[in-house]
Protein backbone atom coordinates (compact mmCIF):
# COMPACT_ATOMS: atom_id res chain seq x y z
CA MET A 1 -11.00 11.68 12.52
CA LYS A 2 -14.55 13.54 12.75
CA THR A 3 -17.31 11.00 12.31
CA ARG A 4 -20.38 12.64 10.28
CA GLU A 5 -22.18 13.02 13.62
CA GLN A 6 -19.49 15.30 14.79
CA GLU A 7 -19.44 17.54 11.97
CA PRO A 8 -20.55 21.04 12.65
CA ASP A 9 -23.68 23.01 12.00
CA TYR A 10 -22.10 24.54 8.93
CA ARG A 11 -25.15 27.36 8.75
CA SER A 12 -24.14 28.72 12.06
CA LEU A 13 -20.56 29.12 11.00
CA SER A 14 -18.87 32.66 9.66
CA GLU A 15 -17.11 32.90 6.36
CA VAL A 16 -13.61 32.56 8.03
CA GLN A 17 -14.80 29.30 9.75
CA LEU A 18 -16.59 27.80 6.75
CA LYS A 19 -13.26 28.40 4.35
CA TYR A 20 -11.06 26.75 7.28
CA GLU A 21 -13.44 23.85 7.33
CA LEU A 22 -13.20 23.77 3.66
CA ILE A 23 -9.49 23.71 3.79
CA GLN A 24 -9.82 20.68 6.23
CA LEU A 25 -12.23 18.74 4.55
CA GLU A 26 -10.05 18.74 1.29
CA LYS A 27 -6.97 18.09 3.01
CA ARG A 28 -8.71 14.93 4.62
CA ILE A 29 -10.06 14.22 0.92
CA LEU A 30 -6.60 13.99 -0.60
CA ARG A 31 -5.12 11.79 2.07
CA ILE A 32 -7.43 9.40 0.89
CA THR A 33 -7.12 9.85 -2.64
CA GLY A 34 -3.86 10.95 -3.31
CA ASP A 35 -3.28 13.74 -5.62
CA PRO A 36 -4.98 12.95 -8.81
CA LEU A 37 -2.62 15.30 -10.70
CA ALA A 38 0.17 13.20 -10.37
CA SER A 39 1.90 12.02 -13.37
CA GLY A 40 3.59 8.83 -12.28
CA GLY A 41 5.07 7.04 -9.51
CA LYS A 42 3.83 6.65 -5.78
CA GLY A 43 1.12 9.66 -6.15
CA TYR A 44 -0.32 8.24 -9.48
CA ARG A 45 -0.90 4.54 -8.09
CA LYS A 46 -2.32 5.80 -4.75
CA PHE A 47 -5.12 7.51 -6.73
CA PHE A 48 -5.44 4.66 -8.75
CA CYS A 49 -5.93 2.15 -6.22
CA TRP A 50 -8.51 4.76 -4.52
CA ALA A 51 -10.81 4.71 -7.23
CA SER A 52 -10.75 1.15 -7.17
CA ASN A 53 -12.07 0.91 -3.87
CA LYS A 54 -15.67 1.01 -3.30
CA ASN A 55 -15.48 1.81 0.66
CA SER A 56 -12.83 4.43 -0.15
CA VAL A 57 -14.97 5.86 -3.04
CA GLU A 58 -18.02 5.94 -0.91
CA ARG A 59 -16.15 7.72 1.88
CA VAL A 60 -14.72 10.57 -0.33
CA GLN A 61 -18.52 10.94 -1.48
CA GLU A 62 -19.34 11.84 1.78
CA LEU A 63 -16.89 14.05 2.36
CA MET A 64 -17.80 15.78 -0.93
CA SER A 65 -21.20 16.15 0.00
CA ASP A 66 -19.94 18.25 2.89
CA ARG A 67 -17.62 20.32 0.93
CA SER A 68 -20.41 21.03 -1.54
CA TYR A 69 -22.53 22.18 1.21
CA ILE A 70 -19.75 24.50 2.52
CA LEU A 71 -19.53 26.02 -1.08
CA ASN A 72 -22.96 26.51 -1.35
CA LEU A 73 -22.92 28.49 1.47
CA LEU A 74 -20.22 30.76 0.65
CA PHE A 75 -21.79 31.18 -2.72
CA GLU A 76 -24.92 32.32 -0.88
CA LYS A 77 -22.99 34.74 0.85
CA HIS A 78 -20.43 36.17 -2.06
CA CYS A 79 -22.98 35.76 -5.14
CA THR A 80 -21.58 38.64 -7.02
CA PRO A 81 -23.24 39.80 -10.39
CA SER A 82 -20.56 38.32 -12.41
CA GLU A 83 -21.00 34.71 -10.71
CA VAL A 84 -24.76 35.10 -11.75
CA ALA A 85 -24.13 36.23 -15.03
CA ARG A 86 -21.68 33.32 -15.50
CA LEU A 87 -24.11 31.04 -13.94
CA GLU A 88 -26.88 32.19 -16.48
CA ASN A 89 -24.31 31.39 -19.15
CA VAL A 90 -23.65 28.08 -17.97
CA ASN A 91 -27.92 27.37 -17.90
CA THR A 92 -28.06 28.16 -21.47
CA LEU A 93 -25.28 26.40 -22.28
CA LEU A 94 -26.22 23.33 -20.42
CA LEU A 95 -29.75 23.42 -21.78
CA ASP A 96 -28.79 23.62 -25.43
CA LEU A 97 -26.51 20.48 -24.60
CA ALA A 98 -29.22 18.48 -23.10
CA ASP A 99 -31.42 19.15 -26.28
CA ARG A 100 -28.34 18.21 -28.30
CA THR A 101 -28.19 15.12 -26.47
CA TYR A 102 -31.66 14.08 -27.09
CA LYS A 103 -31.90 15.41 -30.37
CA ARG A 104 -28.38 13.10 -31.31
CA THR A 105 -30.03 9.97 -29.85
CA SER A 106 -32.72 10.47 -31.78
CA ILE A 107 -30.98 10.62 -34.94
CA LEU A 108 -28.99 7.36 -34.32
CA ALA A 109 -32.25 5.70 -33.33
CA ARG A 110 -33.69 6.30 -36.38
CA GLN A 111 -30.60 5.29 -38.65
CA ILE A 112 -30.56 1.97 -37.03
CA LEU A 113 -34.58 1.53 -37.25
CA SER A 114 -34.41 2.57 -40.99
CA VAL A 115 -31.88 -0.78 -41.94
CA PRO A 116 -33.10 -4.18 -41.78
CA ARG A 117 -32.59 -6.14 -38.43
CA GLU A 118 -30.48 -8.79 -37.95
CA GLU A 119 -32.70 -11.59 -36.84
CA LEU A 120 -30.62 -12.84 -33.93
CA ASP A 121 -30.51 -9.46 -32.34
CA ASP A 122 -32.28 -9.58 -28.92
CA ASP A 123 -31.89 -5.97 -27.51
CA LEU A 124 -30.78 -2.71 -29.43
CA THR A 125 -30.22 0.25 -27.11
CA VAL A 126 -29.62 3.63 -27.80
CA GLU A 127 -28.05 5.72 -25.21
CA GLY A 128 -27.26 9.49 -24.82
CA LYS A 129 -25.77 10.77 -21.82
CA LEU A 130 -24.31 14.40 -21.04
CA VAL A 131 -21.87 14.73 -18.38
CA PRO A 132 -19.01 17.14 -17.25
CA GLU A 133 -15.68 16.03 -18.35
CA PHE A 134 -12.18 16.42 -16.40
CA ASP A 135 -9.84 15.51 -18.89
CA LEU A 136 -6.68 18.19 -18.71
CA THR A 137 -6.05 20.86 -15.93
CA SER A 138 -7.47 23.34 -18.69
CA SER A 139 -10.82 21.42 -18.01
CA VAL A 140 -11.39 23.56 -14.98
CA LEU A 141 -11.52 27.44 -15.44
CA ARG A 142 -9.37 29.96 -13.25
CA LEU A 143 -11.82 32.55 -12.29
CA GLU A 144 -11.39 35.97 -10.28
CA ASP A 145 -13.36 34.37 -7.25
CA ASP A 146 -10.74 31.59 -6.55
CA ALA A 147 -9.14 33.51 -3.64
CA TYR A 148 -12.50 33.82 -2.00
CA TYR A 149 -13.72 30.31 -1.99
CA GLY A 150 -10.07 29.14 -1.28
CA SER A 151 -10.86 25.47 -2.81
CA ASP A 152 -8.44 23.45 -4.84
CA PHE A 153 -10.93 23.32 -7.84
CA VAL A 154 -8.70 21.45 -10.41
CA ARG A 155 -7.86 18.38 -7.94
CA MET A 156 -11.36 18.47 -6.73
CA ALA A 157 -12.83 18.11 -10.23
CA ALA A 158 -10.61 15.63 -10.95
CA ILE A 159 -11.97 13.67 -7.66
CA LEU A 160 -15.49 14.31 -8.47
CA GLN A 161 -14.92 13.08 -12.08
CA GLU A 162 -14.63 9.27 -10.20
CA THR A 163 -17.00 9.65 -7.45
CA GLU A 164 -19.86 11.20 -9.38
CA GLU A 165 -19.23 8.67 -12.74
CA TYR A 166 -21.86 6.32 -11.93
CA GLN A 167 -24.59 8.85 -10.49
CA PRO A 168 -27.34 9.66 -13.12
CA GLY A 169 -26.07 12.22 -15.87
CA MET A 170 -27.54 15.73 -16.62
CA ALA A 171 -29.43 13.89 -19.76
CA ASP A 172 -29.75 10.46 -19.74
CA VAL A 173 -31.83 9.26 -23.04
CA ARG A 174 -32.50 5.49 -23.72
CA CYS A 175 -34.21 4.40 -26.52
CA TYR A 176 -34.98 0.87 -26.74
CA LEU A 177 -35.55 -0.21 -30.26
CA ASP A 178 -36.54 -3.71 -30.13
CA GLN A 179 -39.59 -2.44 -28.39
CA ILE A 180 -40.69 -0.44 -31.24
CA LYS A 181 -42.57 -2.53 -33.39
CA ASN A 182 -44.01 -0.46 -36.46
CA TYR A 183 -41.14 2.10 -37.32
CA THR A 184 -42.09 4.87 -39.88
CA PRO A 185 -40.12 7.86 -40.66
CA ALA A 186 -42.86 9.90 -39.15
CA ILE A 187 -42.33 8.38 -35.82
CA THR A 188 -41.76 11.18 -33.36
CA ASP A 189 -39.21 12.10 -30.61
CA GLU A 190 -41.75 11.41 -28.12
CA GLN A 191 -42.91 7.93 -29.59
CA LEU A 192 -38.87 7.07 -29.32
CA GLY A 193 -38.63 8.28 -26.10
CA CYS A 194 -36.12 10.86 -27.41
CA ALA A 195 -37.74 14.21 -26.59
CA ASN A 196 -36.48 16.48 -23.75
CA MET A 197 -39.63 16.18 -21.72
CA MET A 198 -37.65 17.72 -18.82
CA ASP A 199 -37.33 21.53 -19.98
CA ASP A 200 -40.71 22.59 -20.59
CA GLY A 201 -40.22 26.20 -19.61
CA THR A 202 -40.63 25.64 -15.82
CA THR A 203 -37.69 26.24 -13.63
CA TRP A 204 -35.69 23.78 -11.84
CA GLY A 205 -34.80 26.16 -9.19
CA GLU A 206 -34.61 24.52 -6.21
CA ALA A 207 -32.44 24.11 -3.06
CA TRP A 208 -29.05 25.96 -3.74
CA LEU A 209 -30.42 27.07 -7.01
CA LEU A 210 -33.59 29.22 -5.37
CA ILE A 211 -31.77 31.81 -3.42
CA PRO A 212 -33.04 35.39 -4.37
CA PRO A 213 -30.37 36.14 -7.00
CA LEU A 214 -30.99 33.63 -9.32
CA GLU A 215 -34.76 33.73 -8.98
CA HIS A 216 -34.98 35.10 -12.49
CA ILE A 217 -33.38 32.47 -14.21
CA ILE A 218 -35.17 29.49 -15.57
CA ILE A 219 -32.98 26.87 -14.28
CA CYS A 220 -32.69 24.01 -16.75
CA HIS A 221 -32.78 20.23 -15.65
CA ALA A 222 -29.16 19.78 -16.28
CA LEU A 223 -28.11 22.23 -13.91
CA HIS A 224 -30.53 21.43 -11.53
CA ALA A 225 -29.15 17.74 -11.93
CA LEU A 226 -25.40 18.92 -11.33
CA VAL A 227 -25.98 20.76 -8.31
CA THR A 228 -28.98 18.63 -6.46
CA HIS A 229 -28.34 14.93 -7.53
CA MET A 230 -24.39 14.97 -7.41
CA ASN A 231 -21.91 16.48 -5.40
CA TRP A 232 -20.93 19.59 -7.78
CA SER A 233 -21.26 22.95 -5.81
CA ILE A 234 -22.19 25.95 -7.53
CA PRO A 235 -18.79 27.28 -7.50
CA ASP A 236 -17.77 24.12 -9.12
CA VAL A 237 -19.98 24.31 -11.89
CA LEU A 238 -19.03 27.97 -12.59
CA ARG A 239 -15.62 26.73 -13.48
CA ILE A 240 -16.47 23.24 -15.44
CA ASN A 241 -14.95 23.98 -18.76
CA ASP A 242 -15.96 20.93 -20.60
CA PHE A 243 -18.78 18.93 -21.11
CA LYS A 244 -19.37 15.47 -23.22
CA ILE A 245 -22.44 14.37 -25.01
CA GLU A 246 -21.78 10.58 -25.44
CA VAL A 247 -24.27 8.51 -27.95
CA THR A 248 -23.86 4.76 -27.87
CA LEU A 249 -25.56 1.78 -29.69
CA THR A 250 -25.66 -1.62 -27.93
CA VAL A 251 -26.52 -4.66 -29.71
CA GLN A 252 -27.08 -7.79 -27.66
CA GLN A 253 -27.31 -11.32 -28.88
CA TYR A 254 -28.22 -14.01 -26.65
CA SER A 255 -28.44 -17.82 -27.40
CA ASP A 256 -28.54 -20.95 -25.17
CA GLN A 257 -27.39 -24.42 -26.04
CA ASN A 258 -29.91 -24.90 -28.59
CA ARG A 259 -30.07 -21.83 -30.20
CA ASN A 260 -32.86 -20.09 -28.04
CA PRO A 261 -33.17 -16.52 -27.94
CA LEU A 262 -33.51 -14.33 -24.91
CA TRP A 263 -36.96 -14.56 -23.66
CA TRP A 264 -37.52 -17.23 -26.06
CA TRP A 265 -41.01 -17.89 -24.61
CA SER A 266 -42.12 -14.45 -25.70
CA LYS A 267 -41.25 -15.21 -29.21
CA TYR A 268 -42.40 -18.54 -29.58
CA ASP A 269 -46.20 -20.02 -30.52
CA PHE A 270 -47.28 -22.76 -28.07
CA PRO A 271 -46.09 -25.77 -30.10
CA ARG A 272 -42.59 -24.36 -30.14
CA PHE A 273 -42.63 -23.42 -26.24
CA LYS A 274 -43.59 -26.82 -25.58
CA GLU A 275 -41.04 -28.38 -27.80
CA VAL A 276 -38.20 -26.24 -26.14
CA LEU A 277 -38.56 -27.74 -22.58
CA LEU A 278 -39.36 -31.39 -24.14
CA LYS A 279 -36.07 -31.04 -25.82
CA GLU A 280 -34.45 -30.15 -22.55
CA ALA A 281 -36.32 -32.82 -20.81
CA GLU A 282 -34.39 -35.53 -23.28
CA SER A 283 -31.12 -35.21 -21.19
CA ARG A 284 -32.74 -35.47 -17.59
CA PRO A 285 -31.42 -37.75 -15.32
CA GLU A 286 -32.43 -41.17 -15.44
CA ASP A 287 -34.44 -41.41 -11.93
CA LEU A 288 -36.38 -37.96 -12.79
CA SER A 289 -39.78 -38.36 -14.13
CA LEU A 290 -41.05 -35.99 -16.85
CA GLN A 291 -43.42 -34.25 -14.75
CA THR A 292 -40.85 -33.80 -11.92
CA PHE A 293 -38.42 -32.47 -14.52
CA ILE A 294 -40.72 -30.18 -16.58
CA LEU A 295 -42.11 -28.58 -13.07
CA GLN A 296 -38.28 -27.94 -11.82
CA ARG A 297 -37.38 -26.33 -15.23
CA CYS A 298 -40.50 -24.25 -15.32
CA ARG A 299 -39.72 -22.92 -12.02
CA ASP A 300 -36.25 -22.00 -13.26
CA TYR A 301 -37.85 -20.10 -15.86
CA PHE A 302 -40.79 -18.88 -14.51
CA GLU A 303 -40.71 -18.70 -10.92
CA GLU A 304 -43.86 -18.03 -9.27
CA TRP A 305 -45.85 -18.63 -12.66
CA ALA A 306 -44.82 -22.61 -12.55
CA ASP A 307 -46.44 -22.99 -9.01
CA GLU A 308 -49.47 -21.01 -10.16
CA ALA A 309 -50.20 -23.10 -13.05
CA LEU A 310 -49.61 -26.55 -11.05
CA ASP A 311 -52.28 -25.14 -8.38
CA GLU A 312 -54.35 -24.42 -10.94
CA VAL A 313 -54.46 -27.40 -13.49
CA GLY A 314 -51.89 -30.04 -11.51
CA ILE A 315 -49.03 -31.70 -14.06
CA ILE A 316 -50.56 -35.07 -14.70
CA ASP A 317 -51.38 -33.78 -18.11
CA VAL A 318 -48.05 -32.18 -19.24
CA ASN A 319 -49.30 -30.84 -22.34
CA ARG A 320 -52.18 -28.78 -20.08
CA TYR A 321 -49.82 -27.90 -17.73
CA LEU A 322 -47.22 -26.16 -20.16
CA LEU A 323 -50.00 -24.35 -22.04
CA THR A 324 -51.15 -22.71 -18.66
CA VAL A 325 -47.44 -21.59 -17.71
CA TYR A 326 -47.18 -20.51 -21.76
CA ASN A 327 -50.38 -18.12 -21.34
CA LYS A 328 -49.23 -16.90 -18.19
CA ALA A 329 -45.71 -16.05 -19.09
CA ASN A 330 -46.97 -14.23 -22.14
CA ARG A 331 -50.00 -12.52 -20.07
CA LYS A 332 -52.31 -14.36 -22.08
CA GLU A 333 -54.59 -15.60 -19.47
C-alpha cells in the first residue's frame, strides 16, 4: 500500500492518469469500509465495524482528501457550462438553506425565551445545523458527466456521510439562552447570535471555487465549507440531492449531592458560597484540619485561584481566604 509520501504529484498527471488514480483510490477506500450499500450480512457488518473504528475512519478521511483533490482537478479540466449552471443553482439553494437555518434557530430561541424559566435549568442551548444528508441512493443524482469522472459517487457519498459527520456544518448556529439576561421581543437576531453574518455579499470563492469559469458566482459560505472544510469535491456537491436543517434545544440541569447547581459559586452571594464549602468540610477526615480541607477543596474547584488567594492572604483566617477566592472566581477583584 502506498504511503502519503509516495502519492504522485496529481497536478502533473493527465486526465487518463488522474482517472486511473481515482479508481485505485476508491478501491482502497472500499477495501477498508466494505460496501456501504450492502443491505445485510457480512458486507453490512464490515461497514458498521469500520465506521466505529477511529483509526480506520481517519485513514479513509486521508484517502477521501486525495480523492477530492483528483476530482477537483478533473472538474477544473472539464467544467462544462451545464456544470457551472448547476453549481450556480446549488449555491443559491445553499444560501437560502443557510439563511433558513439561522432563522429557524432564532424562532425557536425566541419561543423558549418567552416562557418562564425552570429554576433548576443551568444550561439552555439552541443549535441549528445544515448538513448534506445521505439516506437512500436517491440522495445522489445521476448526471450526464458521471462517465467522464468515473467515480462511484453513490457509495462515496455514503462513506463521506460517516467521515464528515463531526466536521463543522455548512451553517452552525448556537444560541446560549442562559447567557441572555434581559430578553424582550425586540431583541435582534444579532443579539441572539442567530444572524447569518457569514454571507454579506462578499464571495467565499477560494481555492477550487476560484477558477475562472466560477468567478462570476458570489460563493456562499455553505458551499465554501463543503468544498474547502470537508472532503466533498465539487463534482460530489453537484450530485448531492438531499440537505438537512436540524434545530435542537438542549436543556441541562446539574446538581451535586447538596443540590448545588453547575457553577454554583457564580450564582450565590458570598455567605451562601462560604456555606457550601463549610458544609462540605463537616464530613472531612478526622485528621484533616479545616484550613487544609478548605485549601484542598478550593484547589479542586478553582485551581490557580486557590493558590493565588493563598499567596495573597494566607489561610489562617478562613473567612478572609474564602472571600478572596470568591472574588477571584467571580472576577470581583
